[in-house]
């Protein structure tokens, strides 16, 4: 698959992650407000690049990735205008 397609597929997999992360963070905050003791549960920092790298690796194991030439990238950008 072309490199650009790999990037789009990885981005698609990570698209909802920030929303889900925020929902969990909000839920933990609400729980903290209700508890009479300190909640020791934590959530690691939001790391979209780590998640993107995961999906790049997953798809890279399945498909052969073909590098996209600068000319194709430039043409694609011009065609979108």
PDB file of N, CA and C in Angstrom:
ATOM      1  N   UNK A   1       0.839  -1.168   0.000  1.00  0.00           N
ATOM      2  CA  UNK A   1       0.000   0.000   0.000  1.00  0.00           C
ATOM      3  C   UNK A   1       0.886   1.235   0.000  1.00  0.00           C
ATOM      4  N   UNK A   2       0.448   2.306  -0.601  1.00  0.00           N
ATOM      5  CA  UNK A   2       1.213   3.552  -0.542  1.00  0.00           C
ATOM      6  C   UNK A   2       1.318   4.065   0.894  1.00  0.00           C
ATOM      7  N   UNK A   3       2.425   4.693   1.199  1.00  0.00           N
ATOM      8  CA  UNK A   3       2.680   5.232   2.534  1.00  0.00           C
ATOM      9  C   UNK A   3       1.540   6.129   3.004  1.00  0.00           C
ATOM     10  N   UNK A   4       1.013   6.944   2.098  1.00  0.00           N
ATOM     11  CA  UNK A   4      -0.042   7.880   2.465  1.00  0.00           C
ATOM     12  C   UNK A   4      -1.303   7.130   2.902  1.00  0.00           C
ATOM     13  N   UNK A   5      -1.592   6.015   2.275  1.00  0.00           N
ATOM     14  CA  UNK A   5      -2.754   5.206   2.666  1.00  0.00           C
ATOM     15  C   UNK A   5      -2.530   4.636   4.064  1.00  0.00           C
ATOM     16  N   UNK A   6      -1.314   4.197   4.345  1.00  0.00           N
ATOM     17  CA  UNK A   6      -0.978   3.713   5.681  1.00  0.00           C
ATOM     18  C   UNK A   6      -1.241   4.801   6.722  1.00  0.00           C
ATOM     19  N   UNK A   7      -0.824   6.010   6.441  1.00  0.00           N
ATOM     20  CA  UNK A   7      -1.046   7.130   7.366  1.00  0.00           C
ATOM     21  C   UNK A   7      -2.532   7.392   7.575  1.00  0.00           C
ATOM     22  N   UNK A   8      -3.306   7.324   6.499  1.00  0.00           N
ATOM     23  CA  UNK A   8      -4.742   7.556   6.612  1.00  0.00           C
ATOM     24  C   UNK A   8      -5.412   6.458   7.427  1.00  0.00           C
ATOM     25  N   UNK A   9      -5.001   5.215   7.245  1.00  0.00           N
ATOM     26  CA  UNK A   9      -5.584   4.106   7.996  1.00  0.00           C
ATOM     27  C   UNK A   9      -5.232   4.219   9.476  1.00  0.00           C
ATOM     28  N   UNK A  10      -3.988   4.565   9.781  1.00  0.00           N
ATOM     29  CA  UNK A  10      -3.582   4.740  11.179  1.00  0.00           C
ATOM     30  C   UNK A  10      -4.338   5.904  11.813  1.00  0.00           C
ATOM     31  N   UNK A  11      -4.495   6.988  11.069  1.00  0.00           N
ATOM     32  CA  UNK A  11      -5.233   8.148  11.583  1.00  0.00           C
ATOM     33  C   UNK A  11      -6.695   7.793  11.842  1.00  0.00           C
ATOM     34  N   UNK A  12      -7.269   6.984  10.976  1.00  0.00           N
ATOM     35  CA  UNK A  12      -8.659   6.562  11.159  1.00  0.00           C
ATOM     36  C   UNK A  12      -8.804   5.767  12.464  1.00  0.00           C
ATOM     37  N   UNK A  13      -7.839   4.913  12.758  1.00  0.00           N
ATOM     38  CA  UNK A  13      -7.894   4.113  13.987  1.00  0.00           C
ATOM     39  C   UNK A  13      -7.759   4.977  15.237  1.00  0.00           C
ATOM     40  N   UNK A  14      -7.057   6.090  15.142  1.00  0.00           N
ATOM     41  CA  UNK A  14      -6.817   6.936  16.321  1.00  0.00           C
ATOM     42  C   UNK A  14      -7.817   8.086  16.448  1.00  0.00           C
ATOM     43  N   UNK A  15      -8.685   8.242  15.471  1.00  0.00           N
ATOM     44  CA  UNK A  15      -9.591   9.397  15.421  1.00  0.00           C
ATOM     45  C   UNK A  15     -10.447   9.546  16.681  1.00  0.00           C
ATOM     46  N   UNK A  16     -11.000   8.479  17.180  1.00  0.00           N
ATOM     47  CA  UNK A  16     -11.904   8.561  18.326  1.00  0.00           C
ATOM     48  C   UNK A  16     -11.184   8.497  19.666  1.00  0.00           C
ATOM     49  N   UNK A  17      -9.911   8.201  19.647  1.00  0.00           N
ATOM     50  CA  UNK A  17      -9.168   8.042  20.893  1.00  0.00           C
ATOM     51  C   UNK A  17      -9.224   9.272  21.797  1.00  0.00           C
ATOM     52  N   UNK A  18      -8.999  10.489  21.297  1.00  0.00           N
ATOM     53  CA  UNK A  18      -9.068  11.665  22.189  1.00  0.00           C
ATOM     54  C   UNK A  18     -10.438  11.829  22.851  1.00  0.00           C
ATOM     55  N   UNK A  19     -11.508  11.530  22.135  1.00  0.00           N
ATOM     56  CA  UNK A  19     -12.850  11.650  22.697  1.00  0.00           C
ATOM     57  C   UNK A  19     -13.046  10.627  23.812  1.00  0.00           C
ATOM     58  N   UNK A  20     -12.625   9.399  23.572  1.00  0.00           N
ATOM     59  CA  UNK A  20     -12.751   8.344  24.584  1.00  0.00           C
ATOM     60  C   UNK A  20     -11.868   8.648  25.793  1.00  0.00           C
ATOM     61  N   UNK A  21     -10.678   9.147  25.534  1.00  0.00           N
ATOM     62  CA  UNK A  21      -9.747   9.504  26.613  1.00  0.00           C
ATOM     63  C   UNK A  21     -10.367  10.595  27.495  1.00  0.00           C
ATOM     64  N   UNK A  22     -10.934  11.599  26.865  1.00  0.00           N
ATOM     65  CA  UNK A  22     -11.569  12.698  27.607  1.00  0.00           C
ATOM     66  C   UNK A  22     -12.744  12.190  28.432  1.00  0.00           C
ATOM     67  N   UNK A  23     -13.508  11.253  27.886  1.00  0.00           N
ATOM     68  CA  UNK A  23     -14.644  10.696  28.616  1.00  0.00           C
ATOM     69  C   UNK A  23     -14.177   9.964  29.874  1.00  0.00           C
ATOM     70  N   UNK A  24     -13.106   9.196  29.757  1.00  0.00           N
ATOM     71  CA  UNK A  24     -12.574   8.477  30.921  1.00  0.00           C
ATOM     72  C   UNK A  24     -12.029   9.470  31.947  1.00  0.00           C
ATOM     73  N   UNK A  25     -11.318  10.481  31.482  1.00  0.00           N
ATOM     74  CA  UNK A  25     -10.783  11.503  32.387  1.00  0.00           C
ATOM     75  C   UNK A  25     -11.919  12.203  33.136  1.00  0.00           C
ATOM     76  N   UNK A  26     -12.976  12.538  32.420  1.00  0.00           N
ATOM     77  CA  UNK A  26     -14.136  13.202  33.030  1.00  0.00           C
ATOM     78  C   UNK A  26     -14.792  12.286  34.076  1.00  0.00           C
ATOM     79  N   UNK A  27     -14.914  11.012  33.739  1.00  0.00           N
ATOM     80  CA  UNK A  27     -15.505  10.050  34.667  1.00  0.00           C
ATOM     81  C   UNK A  27     -14.659   9.915  35.928  1.00  0.00           C
ATOM     82  N   UNK A  28     -13.346   9.865  35.778  1.00  0.00           N
ATOM     83  CA  UNK A  28     -12.465   9.795  36.949  1.00  0.00           C
ATOM     84  C   UNK A  28     -12.610  11.044  37.815  1.00  0.00           C
ATOM     85  N   UNK A  29     -12.733  12.208  37.186  1.00  0.00           N
ATOM     86  CA  UNK A  29     -12.925  13.452  37.941  1.00  0.00           C
ATOM     87  C   UNK A  29     -14.234  13.421  38.723  1.00  0.00           C
ATOM     88  N   UNK A  30     -15.295  12.929  38.100  1.00  0.00           N
ATOM     89  CA  UNK A  30     -16.585  12.835  38.788  1.00  0.00           C
ATOM     90  C   UNK A  30     -16.507  11.854  39.954  1.00  0.00           C
ATOM     91  N   UNK A  31     -15.807  10.758  39.768  1.00  0.00           N
ATOM     92  CA  UNK A  31     -15.645   9.778  40.839  1.00  0.00           C
ATOM     93  C   UNK A  31     -14.844  10.354  41.998  1.00  0.00           C
ATOM     94  N   UNK A  32     -13.782  11.097  41.675  1.00  0.00           N
ATOM     95  CA  UNK A  32     -12.979  11.744  42.719  1.00  0.00           C
ATOM     96  C   UNK A  32     -13.823  12.706  43.560  1.00  0.00           C
ATOM     97  N   UNK A  33     -14.735  13.403  42.911  1.00  0.00           N
ATOM     98  CA  UNK A  33     -15.580  14.364  43.612  1.00  0.00           C
ATOM     99  C   UNK A  33     -16.556  13.671  44.566  1.00  0.00           C
ATOM    100  N   UNK A  34     -16.893  12.439  44.298  1.00  0.00           N
ATOM    101  CA  UNK A  34     -17.846  11.703  45.129  1.00  0.00           C
ATOM    102  C   UNK A  34     -17.200  10.938  46.279  1.00  0.00           C
ATOM    103  N   UNK A  35     -15.962  10.527  46.092  1.00  0.00           N
ATOM    104  CA  UNK A  35     -15.313   9.676  47.097  1.00  0.00           C
ATOM    105  C   UNK A  35     -14.803  10.482  48.286  1.00  0.00           C
ATOM    106  N   UNK A  36     -14.944   9.942  49.499  1.00  0.00           N
ATOM    107  CA  UNK A  36     -14.399  10.620  50.675  1.00  0.00           C
ATOM    108  C   UNK A  36     -12.913  10.313  50.877  1.00  0.00           C
ATOM    109  N   UNK A  37     -12.300   9.568  49.986  1.00  0.00           N
ATOM    110  CA  UNK A  37     -10.876   9.264  50.054  1.00  0.00           C
ATOM    111  C   UNK A  37     -10.234   9.544  48.699  1.00  0.00           C
ATOM    112  N   UNK A  38      -8.920   9.550  48.686  1.00  0.00           N
ATOM    113  CA  UNK A  38      -8.180   9.836  47.447  1.00  0.00           C
ATOM    114  C   UNK A  38      -8.246   8.633  46.512  1.00  0.00           C
ATOM    115  N   UNK A  39      -8.615   8.885  45.288  1.00  0.00           N
ATOM    116  CA  UNK A  39      -8.652   7.844  44.267  1.00  0.00           C
ATOM    117  C   UNK A  39      -7.243   7.650  43.727  1.00  0.00           C
ATOM    118  N   UNK A  40      -6.742   6.448  43.783  1.00  0.00           N
ATOM    119  CA  UNK A  40      -5.373   6.188  43.349  1.00  0.00           C
ATOM    120  C   UNK A  40      -5.284   5.788  41.876  1.00  0.00           C
ATOM    121  N   UNK A  41      -6.395   5.619  41.231  1.00  0.00           N
ATOM    122  CA  UNK A  41      -6.399   5.274  39.814  1.00  0.00           C
ATOM    123  C   UNK A  41      -5.950   6.480  38.991  1.00  0.00           C
ATOM    124  N   UNK A  42      -5.121   6.225  38.016  1.00  0.00           N
ATOM    125  CA  UNK A  42      -4.667   7.291  37.124  1.00  0.00           C
ATOM    126  C   UNK A  42      -4.733   6.807  35.680  1.00  0.00           C
ATOM    127  N   UNK A  43      -4.626   7.732  34.810  1.00  0.00           N
ATOM    128  CA  UNK A  43      -4.620   7.458  33.378  1.00  0.00           C
ATOM    129  C   UNK A  43      -3.341   8.048  32.814  1.00  0.00           C
ATOM    130  N   UNK A  44      -2.632   7.253  32.027  1.00  0.00           N
ATOM    131  CA  UNK A  44      -1.397   7.799  31.460  1.00  0.00           C
ATOM    132  C   UNK A  44      -1.723   8.942  30.507  1.00  0.00           C
ATOM    133  N   UNK A  45      -0.764   9.837  30.259  1.00  0.00           N
ATOM    134  CA  UNK A  45      -1.022  10.994  29.390  1.00  0.00           C
ATOM    135  C   UNK A  45      -1.456  10.575  27.982  1.00  0.00           C
ATOM    136  N   UNK A  46      -2.252  11.418  27.384  1.00  0.00           N
ATOM    137  CA  UNK A  46      -2.708  11.207  26.015  1.00  0.00           C
ATOM    138  C   UNK A  46      -1.502  11.218  25.083  1.00  0.00           C
ATOM    139  N   UNK A  47      -1.325  10.166  24.288  1.00  0.00           N
ATOM    140  CA  UNK A  47      -0.160  10.038  23.411  1.00  0.00           C
ATOM    141  C   UNK A  47      -0.611   9.521  22.043  1.00  0.00           C
ATOM    142  N   UNK A  48      -1.065  10.436  21.213  1.00  0.00           N
ATOM    143  CA  UNK A  48      -1.553  10.057  19.890  1.00  0.00           C
ATOM    144  C   UNK A  48      -0.455   9.497  18.997  1.00  0.00           C
ATOM    145  N   UNK A  49       0.742  10.016  19.123  1.00  0.00           N
ATOM    146  CA  UNK A  49       1.840   9.525  18.277  1.00  0.00           C
ATOM    147  C   UNK A  49       2.149   8.058  18.596  1.00  0.00           C
ATOM    148  N   UNK A  50       2.098   7.714  19.866  1.00  0.00           N
ATOM    149  CA  UNK A  50       2.316   6.314  20.265  1.00  0.00           C
ATOM    150  C   UNK A  50       1.252   5.414  19.645  1.00  0.00           C
ATOM    151  N   UNK A  51      -0.007   5.849  19.680  1.00  0.00           N
ATOM    152  CA  UNK A  51      -1.088   5.067  19.093  1.00  0.00           C
ATOM    153  C   UNK A  51      -0.943   4.988  17.574  1.00  0.00           C
ATOM    154  N   UNK A  52      -0.580   6.101  16.941  1.00  0.00           N
ATOM    155  CA  UNK A  52      -0.342   6.084  15.490  1.00  0.00           C
ATOM    156  C   UNK A  52       0.772   5.099  15.143  1.00  0.00           C
ATOM    157  N   UNK A  53       1.847   5.121  15.915  1.00  0.00           N
ATOM    158  CA  UNK A  53       2.955   4.194  15.663  1.00  0.00           C
ATOM    159  C   UNK A  53       2.517   2.744  15.812  1.00  0.00           C
ATOM    160  N   UNK A  54       1.660   2.490  16.789  1.00  0.00           N
ATOM    161  CA  UNK A  54       1.138   1.130  16.961  1.00  0.00           C
ATOM    162  C   UNK A  54       0.436   0.672  15.688  1.00  0.00           C
ATOM    163  N   UNK A  55      -0.479   1.505  15.173  1.00  0.00           N
ATOM    164  CA  UNK A  55      -1.229   1.118  13.984  1.00  0.00           C
ATOM    165  C   UNK A  55      -0.357   1.073  12.735  1.00  0.00           C
ATOM    166  N   UNK A  56       0.641   1.938  12.667  1.00  0.00           N
ATOM    167  CA  UNK A  56       1.594   1.839  11.543  1.00  0.00           C
ATOM    168  C   UNK A  56       2.292   0.479  11.570  1.00  0.00           C
ATOM    169  N   UNK A  57       2.691   0.052  12.764  1.00  0.00           N
ATOM    170  CA  UNK A  57       3.361  -1.247  12.908  1.00  0.00           C
ATOM    171  C   UNK A  57       2.425  -2.399  12.547  1.00  0.00           C
ATOM    172  N   UNK A  58       1.180  -2.322  13.023  1.00  0.00           N
ATOM    173  CA  UNK A  58       0.206  -3.380  12.732  1.00  0.00           C
ATOM    174  C   UNK A  58      -0.007  -3.497  11.228  1.00  0.00           C
ATOM    175  N   UNK A  59      -0.293  -2.372  10.582  1.00  0.00           N
ATOM    176  CA  UNK A  59      -0.526  -2.414   9.137  1.00  0.00           C
ATOM    177  C   UNK A  59       0.752  -2.724   8.367  1.00  0.00           C
ATOM    178  N   UNK A  60       1.893  -2.303   8.884  1.00  0.00           N
ATOM    179  CA  UNK A  60       3.169  -2.607   8.241  1.00  0.00           C
ATOM    180  C   UNK A  60       3.479  -4.090   8.236  1.00  0.00           C
ATOM    181  N   UNK A  61       2.954  -4.830   9.214  1.00  0.00           N
ATOM    182  CA  UNK A  61       3.115  -6.281   9.260  1.00  0.00           C
ATOM    183  C   UNK A  61       2.226  -6.978   8.224  1.00  0.00           C
ATOM    184  N   UNK A  62       1.120  -6.342   7.878  1.00  0.00           N
ATOM    185  CA  UNK A  62       0.152  -6.949   6.959  1.00  0.00           C
ATOM    186  C   UNK A  62       0.455  -6.596   5.508  1.00  0.00           C
ATOM    187  N   UNK A  63       0.804  -5.333   5.267  1.00  0.00           N
ATOM    188  CA  UNK A  63       0.984  -4.833   3.913  1.00  0.00           C
ATOM    189  C   UNK A  63       2.422  -4.390   3.668  1.00  0.00           C
ATOM    190  N   UNK A  64       2.832  -4.484   2.437  1.00  0.00           N
ATOM    191  CA  UNK A  64       4.107  -3.884   2.047  1.00  0.00           C
ATOM    192  C   UNK A  64       3.839  -2.401   1.810  1.00  0.00           C
ATOM    193  N   UNK A  65       4.616  -1.559   2.471  1.00  0.00           N
ATOM    194  CA  UNK A  65       4.418  -0.115   2.357  1.00  0.00           C
ATOM    195  C   UNK A  65       5.336   0.430   1.272  1.00  0.00           C
ATOM    196  N   UNK A  66       4.745   1.155   0.341  1.00  0.00           N
ATOM    197  CA  UNK A  66       5.482   1.756  -0.767  1.00  0.00           C
ATOM    198  C   UNK A  66       5.618   3.245  -0.462  1.00  0.00           C
ATOM    199  N   UNK A  67       6.839   3.729  -0.460  1.00  0.00           N
ATOM    200  CA  UNK A  67       7.067   5.158  -0.203  1.00  0.00           C
ATOM    201  C   UNK A  67       6.414   5.989  -1.301  1.00  0.00           C
ATOM    202  N   UNK A  68       5.840   7.094  -0.912  1.00  0.00           N
ATOM    203  CA  UNK A  68       5.193   8.002  -1.850  1.00  0.00           C
ATOM    204  C   UNK A  68       6.185   9.075  -2.267  1.00  0.00           C
ATOM    205  N   UNK A  69       6.314   9.280  -3.557  1.00  0.00           N
ATOM    206  CA  UNK A  69       7.285  10.256  -4.048  1.00  0.00           C
ATOM    207  C   UNK A  69       6.819  11.672  -3.750  1.00  0.00           C
ATOM    208  N   UNK A  70       7.761  12.610  -3.609  1.00  0.00           N
ATOM    209  CA  UNK A  70       7.383  14.019  -3.381  1.00  0.00           C
ATOM    210  C   UNK A  70       6.509  14.585  -4.503  1.00  0.00           C
ATOM    211  N   UNK A  71       6.729  14.115  -5.735  1.00  0.00           N
ATOM    212  CA  UNK A  71       5.932  14.606  -6.857  1.00  0.00           C
ATOM    213  C   UNK A  71       4.462  14.224  -6.696  1.00  0.00           C
ATOM    214  N   UNK A  72       4.214  13.004  -6.251  1.00  0.00           N
ATOM    215  CA  UNK A  72       2.841  12.546  -6.059  1.00  0.00           C
ATOM    216  C   UNK A  72       2.187  13.326  -4.932  1.00  0.00           C
ATOM    217  N   UNK A  73       2.932  13.560  -3.851  1.00  0.00           N
ATOM    218  CA  UNK A  73       2.386  14.328  -2.737  1.00  0.00           C
ATOM    219  C   UNK A  73       2.031  15.739  -3.177  1.00  0.00           C
ATOM    220  N   UNK A  74       2.913  16.366  -3.953  1.00  0.00           N
ATOM    221  CA  UNK A  74       2.669  17.724  -4.431  1.00  0.00           C
ATOM    222  C   UNK A  74       1.466  17.750  -5.359  1.00  0.00           C
ATOM    223  N   UNK A  75       1.395  16.798  -6.279  1.00  0.00           N
ATOM    224  CA  UNK A  75       0.259  16.739  -7.196  1.00  0.00           C
ATOM    225  C   UNK A  75      -1.042  16.536  -6.433  1.00  0.00           C
ATOM    226  N   UNK A  76      -1.026  15.664  -5.424  1.00  0.00           N
ATOM    227  CA  UNK A  76      -2.222  15.414  -4.623  1.00  0.00           C
ATOM    228  C   UNK A  76      -2.685  16.668  -3.907  1.00  0.00           C
ATOM    229  N   UNK A  77      -1.754  17.447  -3.378  1.00  0.00           N
ATOM    230  CA  UNK A  77      -2.108  18.683  -2.689  1.00  0.00           C
ATOM    231  C   UNK A  77      -2.707  19.691  -3.664  1.00  0.00           C
ATOM    232  N   UNK A  78      -2.118  19.772  -4.869  1.00  0.00           N
ATOM    233  CA  UNK A  78      -2.623  20.723  -5.861  1.00  0.00           C
ATOM    234  C   UNK A  78      -4.004  20.319  -6.352  1.00  0.00           C
ATOM    235  N   UNK A  79      -4.234  19.007  -6.484  1.00  0.00           N
ATOM    236  CA  UNK A  79      -5.523  18.523  -6.970  1.00  0.00           C
ATOM    237  C   UNK A  79      -6.631  18.780  -5.966  1.00  0.00           C
ATOM    238  N   UNK A  80      -6.290  18.860  -4.705  1.00  0.00           N
ATOM    239  CA  UNK A  80      -7.302  19.088  -3.661  1.00  0.00           C
ATOM    240  C   UNK A  80      -7.736  20.539  -3.578  1.00  0.00           C
ATOM    241  N   UNK A  81      -6.988  21.437  -4.146  1.00  0.00           N
ATOM    242  CA  UNK A  81      -7.316  22.865  -4.060  1.00  0.00           C
ATOM    243  C   UNK A  81      -8.478  23.241  -4.912  1.00  0.00           C
TER     244      UNK A  81
END
